Amino acid sequence: MKRILFLATCFSFLCWNVSAQKIYLISVGIADYPGTENDLNLPAKDAEAIQWVYQKNRKAETILLTNEQATRNSVLANMNKLFSKAGVDDIIVLFFSGHGYKGGFVGYDERISYQDVRKVMAKSVSKNKMIFADACFSGKMRTSKNNSSASPSLSSLKVMLFLSSRDNEVSIERRSMQNGFFTTCLQRGLRGGADANRDKIITAKELFLFVSKGVKELSDDKQHPVMWGKFNDAMPVIAW
């Protein structure tokens, strides 16, 4: 009986500890770039959809930056400001939807390099760092090389990267849809679709399996999400 009570107490503490984690999200989406030739259809809606999901979680604090709001300086400044609030056990999340290049994201006015992102991530004391990228060539983030001690690699920072496509693929959007393929499946998974065991905790492995399957089906196997980094498969991404 004592053992049962002890196990029940440990389980209750674990559940409390997970649900007590605060989440800090920067959600960025750029559809309307300067001029007209680089415009996209859905990234601003993607960012709004992801913010909406996180706003339903009582432990989340979010900032939304779309189109002209998403300049390089604004994105980095808001990341610094919001992520500095996170404690060791909290979760920090950067979501980006828009143009990507083999080296980073394309902000409204300037490119935002992966080195820029690494520097900000490195400042946070959080041990739960995540990047969701719905951008062309986002898979290239996995192979970004940097030996500078001032800008440690994303892998050394133990960041979970969930990227919409391989490094030689583009991220697909369809005008008839409200969001891009990756964001469509990501928000469905975060809302509970990925909760395979119905324990109200979405783990990294559950999210990857759900989103990867969905994107492959929507794209007729032309787009393949990638999850990469030093993290436990059972790491909670979001708890409801």
Protein backbone atom coordinates (compact mmCIF):
# COMPACT_ATOMS: atom_id res chain seq x y z
CA MET A 1 0.00 0.00 0.00
CA LYS A 2 2.82 2.37 0.90
CA ARG A 3 4.50 1.63 -2.42
CA ILE A 4 1.28 2.40 -4.30
CA LEU A 5 0.91 5.71 -2.48
CA PHE A 6 4.55 6.54 -3.18
CA LEU A 7 4.17 5.83 -6.89
CA ALA A 8 0.95 7.83 -7.03
CA THR A 9 2.68 10.76 -5.35
CA CYS A 10 5.59 10.59 -7.80
CA PHE A 11 3.21 10.45 -10.76
CA SER A 12 1.23 13.42 -9.44
CA PHE A 13 4.42 15.43 -9.00
CA LEU A 14 5.56 14.55 -12.53
CA CYS A 15 2.26 15.65 -14.03
CA TRP A 16 2.29 18.85 -11.99
CA ASN A 17 5.86 19.57 -13.01
CA VAL A 18 5.06 19.19 -16.71
CA SER A 19 1.89 21.26 -16.55
CA ALA A 20 3.67 23.92 -14.49
CA GLN A 21 6.09 24.65 -17.33
CA LYS A 22 5.56 28.05 -18.90
CA ILE A 23 5.81 28.44 -22.66
CA TYR A 24 7.16 31.50 -24.47
CA LEU A 25 6.37 31.67 -28.19
CA ILE A 26 7.50 34.05 -30.91
CA SER A 27 5.34 33.38 -33.97
CA VAL A 28 6.58 34.95 -37.22
CA GLY A 29 4.92 34.85 -40.62
CA ILE A 30 5.76 36.89 -43.73
CA ALA A 31 3.54 36.69 -46.79
CA ASP A 32 3.78 40.30 -48.00
CA TYR A 33 7.42 41.08 -48.73
CA PRO A 34 8.47 44.47 -50.17
CA GLY A 35 7.42 44.64 -53.82
CA THR A 36 5.29 41.89 -55.30
CA GLU A 37 7.55 39.27 -56.87
CA ASN A 38 8.44 37.58 -53.57
CA ASP A 39 4.98 37.54 -52.01
CA LEU A 40 3.49 34.35 -50.64
CA ASN A 41 -0.09 33.45 -49.76
CA LEU A 42 -0.20 31.79 -46.36
CA PRO A 43 2.73 32.50 -43.97
CA ALA A 44 1.00 35.30 -42.04
CA LYS A 45 -1.99 33.00 -41.54
CA ASP A 46 0.41 30.24 -40.49
CA ALA A 47 1.86 32.41 -37.74
CA GLU A 48 -1.61 33.44 -36.59
CA ALA A 49 -2.76 29.81 -36.47
CA ILE A 50 0.19 28.71 -34.34
CA GLN A 51 -0.23 31.66 -31.97
CA TRP A 52 -3.93 30.82 -31.64
CA VAL A 53 -3.09 27.25 -30.59
CA TYR A 54 -0.64 28.37 -27.92
CA GLN A 55 -2.96 31.09 -26.63
CA LYS A 56 -5.39 28.33 -25.66
CA ASN A 57 -2.78 27.06 -23.21
CA ARG A 58 -3.01 28.97 -19.93
CA LYS A 59 0.74 28.69 -19.37
CA ALA A 60 1.74 30.32 -22.66
CA GLU A 61 2.85 33.87 -23.41
CA THR A 62 3.03 34.75 -27.09
CA ILE A 63 4.14 37.46 -29.49
CA LEU A 64 2.93 37.58 -33.10
CA LEU A 65 4.97 39.30 -35.82
CA THR A 66 3.61 39.36 -39.37
CA ASN A 67 4.68 41.01 -42.62
CA GLU A 68 6.22 44.46 -42.05
CA GLN A 69 6.38 43.81 -38.30
CA ALA A 70 8.82 40.97 -38.89
CA THR A 71 11.99 42.90 -39.63
CA ARG A 72 15.27 41.30 -38.66
CA ASN A 73 15.78 43.65 -35.71
CA SER A 74 12.19 43.23 -34.50
CA VAL A 75 12.32 39.44 -34.58
CA LEU A 76 15.62 39.25 -32.73
CA ALA A 77 14.69 41.95 -30.21
CA ASN A 78 11.40 40.26 -29.36
CA MET A 79 13.11 36.89 -29.04
CA ASN A 80 15.59 38.41 -26.60
CA LYS A 81 12.85 40.12 -24.62
CA LEU A 82 10.45 37.20 -24.32
CA PHE A 83 12.92 34.35 -23.97
CA SER A 84 14.72 36.14 -21.14
CA LYS A 85 11.63 35.51 -19.00
CA ALA A 86 11.99 31.74 -19.22
CA GLY A 87 13.28 29.68 -16.33
CA VAL A 88 15.34 26.53 -16.63
CA ASP A 89 12.32 24.22 -16.90
CA ASP A 90 10.26 26.48 -19.15
CA ILE A 91 9.86 26.11 -22.92
CA ILE A 92 10.89 28.67 -25.54
CA VAL A 93 9.58 28.36 -29.10
CA LEU A 94 10.36 30.20 -32.33
CA PHE A 95 7.93 29.58 -35.17
CA PHE A 96 8.78 31.00 -38.60
CA SER A 97 6.82 30.80 -41.84
CA GLY A 98 8.04 32.57 -44.96
CA HIS A 99 10.94 32.46 -47.37
CA GLY A 100 14.01 30.55 -46.33
CA TYR A 101 17.48 30.22 -47.79
CA LYS A 102 20.38 27.86 -47.21
CA GLY A 103 21.62 29.71 -44.18
CA GLY A 104 18.57 31.14 -42.46
CA PHE A 105 15.22 32.88 -42.81
CA VAL A 106 14.28 35.84 -44.98
CA GLY A 107 12.94 38.61 -42.75
CA TYR A 108 10.78 41.44 -44.08
CA ASP A 109 13.79 43.68 -44.69
CA GLU A 110 16.89 41.55 -44.16
CA ARG A 111 17.96 37.97 -43.84
CA ILE A 112 17.92 36.41 -40.37
CA SER A 113 20.80 33.97 -40.29
CA TYR A 114 20.88 30.80 -38.26
CA GLN A 115 23.84 32.36 -36.48
CA ASP A 116 21.54 35.20 -35.36
CA VAL A 117 19.05 32.66 -34.02
CA ARG A 118 21.76 30.68 -32.23
CA LYS A 119 23.05 33.75 -30.41
CA VAL A 120 19.61 34.53 -28.99
CA MET A 121 18.88 30.92 -28.08
CA ALA A 122 22.22 30.68 -26.28
CA LYS A 123 21.30 33.53 -23.92
CA SER A 124 18.24 31.75 -22.50
CA VAL A 125 18.66 29.55 -19.43
CA SER A 126 15.81 27.33 -20.62
CA LYS A 127 16.74 23.72 -21.27
CA ASN A 128 13.70 23.25 -23.54
CA LYS A 129 14.35 25.14 -26.78
CA MET A 130 12.36 24.57 -29.95
CA ILE A 131 12.27 25.92 -33.48
CA PHE A 132 9.43 25.22 -35.90
CA ALA A 133 10.28 26.35 -39.43
CA ASP A 134 7.83 26.30 -42.34
CA ALA A 135 10.29 27.62 -44.92
CA CYS A 136 11.97 26.39 -48.08
CA PHE A 137 15.30 24.65 -47.49
CA SER A 138 14.70 24.75 -43.72
CA GLY A 139 16.41 21.37 -43.43
CA LYS A 140 19.69 23.14 -44.13
CA MET A 141 19.62 24.35 -40.52
CA ARG A 142 20.79 20.88 -39.53
CA THR A 143 24.10 21.29 -41.31
CA SER A 144 24.91 24.89 -40.45
CA LYS A 145 28.55 25.03 -39.32
CA ASN A 146 29.91 27.43 -36.79
CA ASN A 147 32.86 26.87 -34.47
CA SER A 148 32.71 30.23 -32.71
CA SER A 149 32.44 29.96 -28.93
CA ALA A 150 30.26 33.08 -29.01
CA SER A 151 27.75 31.34 -31.24
CA PRO A 152 27.52 27.68 -30.24
CA SER A 153 25.85 25.32 -32.68
CA LEU A 154 22.19 24.57 -32.30
CA SER A 155 23.05 20.99 -31.47
CA SER A 156 25.28 22.05 -28.58
CA LEU A 157 22.43 24.20 -27.28
CA LYS A 158 20.15 21.15 -27.26
CA VAL A 159 17.56 22.82 -29.46
CA MET A 160 14.79 20.70 -30.95
CA LEU A 161 14.44 21.67 -34.60
CA PHE A 162 11.26 20.68 -36.38
CA LEU A 163 11.73 21.67 -39.98
CA SER A 164 9.12 21.58 -42.72
CA SER A 165 11.30 20.08 -45.43
CA ARG A 166 14.63 18.53 -46.27
CA ASP A 167 17.50 20.80 -47.25
CA ASN A 168 16.82 20.28 -50.97
CA GLU A 169 13.03 20.70 -50.78
CA VAL A 170 10.63 23.63 -50.85
CA SER A 171 7.71 23.98 -48.46
CA ILE A 172 4.43 23.66 -50.31
CA GLU A 173 1.36 25.87 -49.96
CA ARG A 174 -1.94 25.57 -51.78
CA ARG A 175 -4.26 28.54 -52.31
CA SER A 176 -7.30 26.45 -51.41
CA MET A 177 -5.89 25.78 -47.91
CA GLN A 178 -5.83 28.09 -44.91
CA ASN A 179 -2.24 27.17 -44.07
CA GLY A 180 0.82 25.52 -45.60
CA PHE A 181 1.12 21.75 -45.45
CA PHE A 182 3.53 21.73 -42.52
CA THR A 183 1.65 24.30 -40.44
CA THR A 184 -1.67 22.58 -41.12
CA CYS A 185 -0.39 19.32 -39.67
CA LEU A 186 1.62 21.02 -36.91
CA GLN A 187 -1.33 22.91 -35.46
CA ARG A 188 -3.53 19.82 -35.67
CA GLY A 189 -0.89 17.85 -33.81
CA LEU A 190 -0.37 20.50 -31.12
CA ARG A 191 -4.13 20.75 -30.56
CA GLY A 192 -4.24 17.07 -29.61
CA GLY A 193 -4.12 15.11 -32.84
CA ALA A 194 -0.61 13.92 -32.03
CA ASP A 195 -1.54 12.73 -28.53
CA ALA A 196 -1.40 9.02 -29.39
CA ASN A 197 -1.78 7.75 -25.82
CA ARG A 198 -4.32 10.42 -24.82
CA ASP A 199 -2.40 11.58 -21.72
CA LYS A 200 -2.78 15.27 -22.70
CA ILE A 201 0.99 15.61 -23.14
CA ILE A 202 2.33 15.96 -26.69
CA THR A 203 5.86 14.55 -26.83
CA ALA A 204 8.49 15.22 -29.46
CA LYS A 205 8.16 11.73 -30.93
CA GLU A 206 4.36 11.87 -31.02
CA LEU A 207 4.45 15.23 -32.79
CA PHE A 208 6.99 14.12 -35.37
CA LEU A 209 5.15 10.92 -36.26
CA PHE A 210 1.82 12.75 -36.63
CA VAL A 211 3.10 15.72 -38.62
CA SER A 212 5.47 13.75 -40.82
CA LYS A 213 2.73 11.34 -41.87
CA GLY A 214 0.28 14.16 -42.55
CA VAL A 215 2.67 16.26 -44.65
CA LYS A 216 3.74 13.28 -46.74
CA GLU A 217 0.10 12.49 -47.48
CA LEU A 218 -0.84 16.08 -48.35
CA SER A 219 2.19 16.55 -50.62
CA ASP A 220 2.00 13.17 -52.35
CA ASP A 221 5.35 12.33 -50.77
CA LYS A 222 7.06 15.44 -52.21
CA GLN A 223 7.72 17.15 -48.86
CA HIS A 224 9.37 15.48 -45.87
CA PRO A 225 9.57 17.20 -42.46
CA VAL A 226 12.73 16.73 -40.43
CA MET A 227 13.13 16.72 -36.65
CA TRP A 228 16.66 16.98 -35.37
CA GLY A 229 18.71 17.91 -32.32
CA LYS A 230 19.83 16.63 -28.93
CA PHE A 231 16.62 15.92 -27.02
CA ASN A 232 14.67 13.02 -25.55
CA ASP A 233 11.90 11.52 -27.68
CA ALA A 234 9.64 11.76 -24.63
CA MET A 235 10.32 15.48 -24.12
CA PRO A 236 6.98 17.28 -23.69
CA VAL A 237 6.39 19.85 -26.42
CA ILE A 238 3.11 21.06 -24.97
CA ALA A 239 0.86 19.85 -22.14
CA TRP A 240 -2.90 20.36 -21.93
